[in-house]
Amino acid sequence: MSSDQRLDSSAIAGRARTLACVLVLALGSTAGDLAQAQVLMQPNISVAQARLIVDTIIAQCSASEDLVTVTIAVVDRAGIPVIQVRADTASPHNWELAYRKAYTARTFRRTSISWRDRTAGDSPLIGQRELSNTVPLGGGAPIMMGDVPVGGVGVSGSSGGQEGDTACAEAGIAAIADQLE
């Protein structure tokens, strides 16, 4: 073996040792990061809370004592329906609107009527209206625990139009306000 070949093989061995050290350090730091991983604990709306919201909205916002006249959707922190009630007098579109209003309010952490106004006209936020399941109509309100969203409520079909739907959603949330502190 010539001295040039020995030099090349010792250079290769040195590079291999350096690479091995780098790998050990990288794996060690990754293992340390994994040891710090934790389960996320995030608050969410419960079925019992959703039922109380729905019952409150029906009691306060239905136009008749004999019939439910509002359609209501309550979604959780991920925008998934927890409970949804179709009015006895509902039009075919009310089911979808109630859900989309709740989803919009939860997604943007504001009433859907506020979001509607914020994204209107020449607003640079108008593109948000293209997102799936959002709707630029009033009637949705976010359920917040401090600054943390835990769900949303959507109402469709109240006697007060979009403003009335929004007031009904907020009345439902008020029924569980003490549980959100």
C-alpha atoms as a PDB file:
ATOM      1  CA  MET A   1       0.000   0.000   0.000  1.00  0.00           C
ATOM      2  CA  SER A   2       1.456   3.343  -0.931  1.00  0.00           C
ATOM      3  CA  SER A   3       1.698   6.289   1.427  1.00  0.00           C
ATOM      4  CA  ASP A   4      -0.912   8.147  -0.636  1.00  0.00           C
ATOM      5  CA  GLN A   5      -3.371   5.278  -0.140  1.00  0.00           C
ATOM      6  CA  ARG A   6      -2.648   5.201   3.593  1.00  0.00           C
ATOM      7  CA  LEU A   7      -3.225   8.937   3.769  1.00  0.00           C
ATOM      8  CA  ASP A   8      -6.538   8.586   1.962  1.00  0.00           C
ATOM      9  CA  SER A   9      -7.686   5.740   4.219  1.00  0.00           C
ATOM     10  CA  SER A  10      -6.711   7.644   7.382  1.00  0.00           C
ATOM     11  CA  ALA A  11      -8.521  10.751   6.085  1.00  0.00           C
ATOM     12  CA  ILE A  12     -11.597   8.642   5.393  1.00  0.00           C
ATOM     13  CA  ALA A  13     -11.411   7.099   8.879  1.00  0.00           C
ATOM     14  CA  GLY A  14     -11.126  10.574  10.427  1.00  0.00           C
ATOM     15  CA  ARG A  15     -14.134  11.797   8.493  1.00  0.00           C
ATOM     16  CA  ALA A  16     -16.099   8.707   9.543  1.00  0.00           C
ATOM     17  CA  ARG A  17     -15.266   9.374  13.226  1.00  0.00           C
ATOM     18  CA  THR A  18     -16.375  13.009  12.834  1.00  0.00           C
ATOM     19  CA  LEU A  19     -19.629  11.949  11.185  1.00  0.00           C
ATOM     20  CA  ALA A  20     -20.253   9.380  13.933  1.00  0.00           C
ATOM     21  CA  CYS A  21     -19.748  12.066  16.603  1.00  0.00           C
ATOM     22  CA  VAL A  22     -22.141  14.415  14.821  1.00  0.00           C
ATOM     23  CA  LEU A  23     -24.772  11.662  14.583  1.00  0.00           C
ATOM     24  CA  VAL A  24     -24.424  10.782  18.266  1.00  0.00           C
ATOM     25  CA  LEU A  25     -24.818  14.430  19.225  1.00  0.00           C
ATOM     26  CA  ALA A  26     -27.818  14.859  16.930  1.00  0.00           C
ATOM     27  CA  LEU A  27     -29.531  11.748  18.210  1.00  0.00           C
ATOM     28  CA  GLY A  28     -28.783  12.721  21.795  1.00  0.00           C
ATOM     29  CA  SER A  29     -30.378  16.129  21.390  1.00  0.00           C
ATOM     30  CA  THR A  30     -33.408  14.615  19.658  1.00  0.00           C
ATOM     31  CA  ALA A  31     -33.849  12.070  22.428  1.00  0.00           C
ATOM     32  CA  GLY A  32     -33.696  14.911  24.932  1.00  0.00           C
ATOM     33  CA  ASP A  33     -36.399  16.771  23.035  1.00  0.00           C
ATOM     34  CA  LEU A  34     -38.577  13.657  22.976  1.00  0.00           C
ATOM     35  CA  ALA A  35     -38.124  13.213  26.701  1.00  0.00           C
ATOM     36  CA  GLN A  36     -39.637  16.697  27.114  1.00  0.00           C
ATOM     37  CA  ALA A  37     -42.729  15.878  24.967  1.00  0.00           C
ATOM     38  CA  GLN A  38     -46.039  16.140  26.786  1.00  0.00           C
ATOM     39  CA  VAL A  39     -49.679  15.325  26.231  1.00  0.00           C
ATOM     40  CA  LEU A  40     -51.642  18.460  25.402  1.00  0.00           C
ATOM     41  CA  MET A  41     -54.463  19.234  27.784  1.00  0.00           C
ATOM     42  CA  GLN A  42     -56.931  21.617  26.171  1.00  0.00           C
ATOM     43  CA  PRO A  43     -60.346  22.727  27.440  1.00  0.00           C
ATOM     44  CA  ASN A  44     -63.373  21.819  25.359  1.00  0.00           C
ATOM     45  CA  ILE A  45     -67.133  22.289  25.478  1.00  0.00           C
ATOM     46  CA  SER A  46     -68.973  19.362  27.067  1.00  0.00           C
ATOM     47  CA  VAL A  47     -72.204  17.747  25.887  1.00  0.00           C
ATOM     48  CA  ALA A  48     -73.898  18.897  29.114  1.00  0.00           C
ATOM     49  CA  GLN A  49     -72.847  22.498  28.434  1.00  0.00           C
ATOM     50  CA  ALA A  50     -73.984  22.228  24.807  1.00  0.00           C
ATOM     51  CA  ARG A  51     -77.401  20.937  25.946  1.00  0.00           C
ATOM     52  CA  LEU A  52     -77.775  23.842  28.378  1.00  0.00           C
ATOM     53  CA  ILE A  53     -76.922  26.290  25.584  1.00  0.00           C
ATOM     54  CA  VAL A  54     -79.502  24.689  23.274  1.00  0.00           C
ATOM     55  CA  ASP A  55     -82.208  24.579  25.962  1.00  0.00           C
ATOM     56  CA  THR A  56     -81.609  28.239  26.827  1.00  0.00           C
ATOM     57  CA  ILE A  57     -81.799  29.345  23.192  1.00  0.00           C
ATOM     58  CA  ILE A  58     -85.010  27.384  22.632  1.00  0.00           C
ATOM     59  CA  ALA A  59     -86.581  28.867  25.787  1.00  0.00           C
ATOM     60  CA  GLN A  60     -85.559  32.448  24.970  1.00  0.00           C
ATOM     61  CA  CYS A  61     -85.697  32.558  21.185  1.00  0.00           C
ATOM     62  CA  SER A  62     -88.455  30.264  19.922  1.00  0.00           C
ATOM     63  CA  ALA A  63     -91.438  32.257  18.739  1.00  0.00           C
ATOM     64  CA  SER A  64     -93.913  29.634  19.904  1.00  0.00           C
ATOM     65  CA  GLU A  65     -94.328  27.617  23.075  1.00  0.00           C
ATOM     66  CA  ASP A  66     -95.557  24.619  21.073  1.00  0.00           C
ATOM     67  CA  LEU A  67     -92.865  24.546  18.380  1.00  0.00           C
ATOM     68  CA  VAL A  68     -89.101  25.018  18.265  1.00  0.00           C
ATOM     69  CA  THR A  69     -88.588  27.789  15.710  1.00  0.00           C
ATOM     70  CA  VAL A  70     -84.791  28.135  15.727  1.00  0.00           C
ATOM     71  CA  THR A  71     -82.127  25.763  14.436  1.00  0.00           C
ATOM     72  CA  ILE A  72     -79.058  25.577  16.681  1.00  0.00           C
ATOM     73  CA  ALA A  73     -75.587  24.088  16.317  1.00  0.00           C
ATOM     74  CA  VAL A  74     -72.902  23.849  19.001  1.00  0.00           C
ATOM     75  CA  VAL A  75     -69.388  22.905  17.896  1.00  0.00           C
ATOM     76  CA  ASP A  76     -66.353  21.999  20.003  1.00  0.00           C
ATOM     77  CA  ARG A  77     -62.899  23.558  19.968  1.00  0.00           C
ATOM     78  CA  ALA A  78     -62.060  21.688  16.730  1.00  0.00           C
ATOM     79  CA  GLY A  79     -65.233  22.864  14.992  1.00  0.00           C
ATOM     80  CA  ILE A  80     -66.852  19.415  15.210  1.00  0.00           C
ATOM     81  CA  PRO A  81     -70.586  19.374  16.045  1.00  0.00           C
ATOM     82  CA  VAL A  82     -71.369  18.446  19.650  1.00  0.00           C
ATOM     83  CA  ILE A  83     -75.127  18.883  19.315  1.00  0.00           C
ATOM     84  CA  GLN A  84     -77.413  20.240  16.638  1.00  0.00           C
ATOM     85  CA  VAL A  85     -81.167  20.773  16.770  1.00  0.00           C
ATOM     86  CA  ARG A  86     -83.371  21.446  13.764  1.00  0.00           C
ATOM     87  CA  ALA A  87     -86.374  23.690  14.298  1.00  0.00           C
ATOM     88  CA  ASP A  88     -89.823  22.218  13.797  1.00  0.00           C
ATOM     89  CA  THR A  89     -90.396  25.083  11.371  1.00  0.00           C
ATOM     90  CA  ALA A  90     -86.957  24.960   9.707  1.00  0.00           C
ATOM     91  CA  SER A  91     -86.303  25.669   6.073  1.00  0.00           C
ATOM     92  CA  PRO A  92     -83.949  23.194   4.384  1.00  0.00           C
ATOM     93  CA  HIS A  93     -80.964  25.583   4.587  1.00  0.00           C
ATOM     94  CA  ASN A  94     -81.238  26.348   8.331  1.00  0.00           C
ATOM     95  CA  TRP A  95     -79.369  23.180   9.395  1.00  0.00           C
ATOM     96  CA  GLU A  96     -76.314  24.036   7.313  1.00  0.00           C
ATOM     97  CA  LEU A  97     -76.396  27.730   8.203  1.00  0.00           C
ATOM     98  CA  ALA A  98     -76.501  27.077  11.952  1.00  0.00           C
ATOM     99  CA  TYR A  99     -73.468  24.784  11.681  1.00  0.00           C
ATOM    100  CA  ARG A 100     -71.497  27.150   9.435  1.00  0.00           C
ATOM    101  CA  LYS A 101     -72.225  30.137  11.701  1.00  0.00           C
ATOM    102  CA  ALA A 102     -70.975  28.180  14.737  1.00  0.00           C
ATOM    103  CA  TYR A 103     -67.891  27.007  12.819  1.00  0.00           C
ATOM    104  CA  THR A 104     -67.125  30.548  11.597  1.00  0.00           C
ATOM    105  CA  ALA A 105     -67.406  31.998  15.113  1.00  0.00           C
ATOM    106  CA  ARG A 106     -65.167  29.281  16.570  1.00  0.00           C
ATOM    107  CA  THR A 107     -62.602  29.545  13.778  1.00  0.00           C
ATOM    108  CA  PHE A 108     -62.178  33.312  13.977  1.00  0.00           C
ATOM    109  CA  ARG A 109     -62.854  33.757  17.723  1.00  0.00           C
ATOM    110  CA  ARG A 110     -65.462  36.435  17.112  1.00  0.00           C
ATOM    111  CA  THR A 111     -69.127  36.626  16.269  1.00  0.00           C
ATOM    112  CA  SER A 112     -69.852  35.641  12.706  1.00  0.00           C
ATOM    113  CA  ILE A 113     -71.534  39.035  12.147  1.00  0.00           C
ATOM    114  CA  SER A 114     -68.326  40.787  13.271  1.00  0.00           C
ATOM    115  CA  TRP A 115     -66.306  38.534  10.952  1.00  0.00           C
ATOM    116  CA  ARG A 116     -68.774  39.256   8.123  1.00  0.00           C
ATOM    117  CA  ASP A 117     -68.202  42.993   8.509  1.00  0.00           C
ATOM    118  CA  ARG A 118     -64.432  42.591   8.932  1.00  0.00           C
ATOM    119  CA  THR A 119     -64.089  40.647   5.659  1.00  0.00           C
ATOM    120  CA  ALA A 120     -66.490  42.735   3.556  1.00  0.00           C
ATOM    121  CA  GLY A 121     -65.790  44.862   0.487  1.00  0.00           C
ATOM    122  CA  ASP A 122     -62.154  45.638  -0.235  1.00  0.00           C
ATOM    123  CA  SER A 123     -60.854  44.141   3.012  1.00  0.00           C
ATOM    124  CA  PRO A 124     -57.520  42.350   2.642  1.00  0.00           C
ATOM    125  CA  LEU A 125     -59.195  39.547   4.651  1.00  0.00           C
ATOM    126  CA  ILE A 126     -61.893  38.898   2.037  1.00  0.00           C
ATOM    127  CA  GLY A 127     -60.121  35.705   0.965  1.00  0.00           C
ATOM    128  CA  GLN A 128     -61.081  34.125   4.300  1.00  0.00           C
ATOM    129  CA  ARG A 129     -64.618  33.893   2.948  1.00  0.00           C
ATOM    130  CA  GLU A 130     -63.402  31.147   0.601  1.00  0.00           C
ATOM    131  CA  LEU A 131     -62.590  28.767   3.467  1.00  0.00           C
ATOM    132  CA  SER A 132     -64.765  25.665   3.765  1.00  0.00           C
ATOM    133  CA  ASN A 133     -67.647  25.825   6.252  1.00  0.00           C
ATOM    134  CA  THR A 134     -67.425  29.571   6.861  1.00  0.00           C
ATOM    135  CA  VAL A 135     -70.335  31.872   6.097  1.00  0.00           C
ATOM    136  CA  PRO A 136     -70.434  35.692   6.176  1.00  0.00           C
ATOM    137  CA  LEU A 137     -73.723  35.903   8.072  1.00  0.00           C
ATOM    138  CA  GLY A 138     -74.634  36.835  11.619  1.00  0.00           C
ATOM    139  CA  GLY A 139     -75.837  34.240  14.087  1.00  0.00           C
ATOM    140  CA  GLY A 140     -72.631  32.643  15.341  1.00  0.00           C
ATOM    141  CA  ALA A 141     -70.781  33.352  18.579  1.00  0.00           C
ATOM    142  CA  PRO A 142     -67.548  31.856  19.929  1.00  0.00           C
ATOM    143  CA  ILE A 143     -67.491  30.063  23.259  1.00  0.00           C
ATOM    144  CA  MET A 144     -64.387  31.364  25.022  1.00  0.00           C
ATOM    145  CA  MET A 145     -62.705  30.397  28.271  1.00  0.00           C
ATOM    146  CA  GLY A 146     -60.729  33.570  28.795  1.00  0.00           C
ATOM    147  CA  ASP A 147     -58.663  33.855  25.613  1.00  0.00           C
ATOM    148  CA  VAL A 148     -59.021  30.161  24.759  1.00  0.00           C
ATOM    149  CA  PRO A 149     -61.735  29.074  22.316  1.00  0.00           C
ATOM    150  CA  VAL A 150     -63.623  25.983  23.493  1.00  0.00           C
ATOM    151  CA  GLY A 151     -66.413  25.981  20.910  1.00  0.00           C
ATOM    152  CA  GLY A 152     -68.959  27.970  18.987  1.00  0.00           C
ATOM    153  CA  VAL A 153     -72.736  28.385  18.728  1.00  0.00           C
ATOM    154  CA  GLY A 154     -74.740  29.052  15.577  1.00  0.00           C
ATOM    155  CA  VAL A 155     -78.418  29.983  15.335  1.00  0.00           C
ATOM    156  CA  SER A 156     -80.584  30.222  12.252  1.00  0.00           C
ATOM    157  CA  GLY A 157     -84.229  31.216  11.973  1.00  0.00           C
ATOM    158  CA  SER A 158     -84.843  33.608  14.854  1.00  0.00           C
ATOM    159  CA  SER A 159     -87.400  36.371  14.446  1.00  0.00           C
ATOM    160  CA  GLY A 160     -84.694  39.057  14.511  1.00  0.00           C
ATOM    161  CA  GLY A 161     -82.697  38.129  11.398  1.00  0.00           C
ATOM    162  CA  GLN A 162     -78.920  37.946  11.660  1.00  0.00           C
ATOM    163  CA  GLU A 163     -78.780  40.303  14.640  1.00  0.00           C
ATOM    164  CA  GLY A 164     -81.458  38.271  16.402  1.00  0.00           C
ATOM    165  CA  ASP A 165     -79.632  35.015  15.626  1.00  0.00           C
ATOM    166  CA  THR A 166     -76.462  36.520  17.119  1.00  0.00           C
ATOM    167  CA  ALA A 167     -78.303  37.660  20.261  1.00  0.00           C
ATOM    168  CA  CYS A 168     -79.772  34.151  20.660  1.00  0.00           C
ATOM    169  CA  ALA A 169     -76.320  32.529  20.337  1.00  0.00           C
ATOM    170  CA  GLU A 170     -74.906  34.926  22.936  1.00  0.00           C
ATOM    171  CA  ALA A 171     -77.845  34.232  25.283  1.00  0.00           C
ATOM    172  CA  GLY A 172     -77.074  30.517  25.083  1.00  0.00           C
ATOM    173  CA  ILE A 173     -73.434  31.112  25.960  1.00  0.00           C
ATOM    174  CA  ALA A 174     -74.462  33.361  28.866  1.00  0.00           C
ATOM    175  CA  ALA A 175     -76.193  30.333  30.394  1.00  0.00           C
ATOM    176  CA  ILE A 176     -72.808  28.672  30.951  1.00  0.00           C
ATOM    177  CA  ALA A 177     -70.721  31.810  31.537  1.00  0.00           C
ATOM    178  CA  ASP A 178     -69.971  30.860  35.149  1.00  0.00           C
ATOM    179  CA  GLN A 179     -68.468  27.575  33.921  1.00  0.00           C
ATOM    180  CA  LEU A 180     -66.098  29.400  31.561  1.00  0.00           C
ATOM    181  CA  GLU A 181     -64.223  31.392  34.196  1.00  0.00           C
END
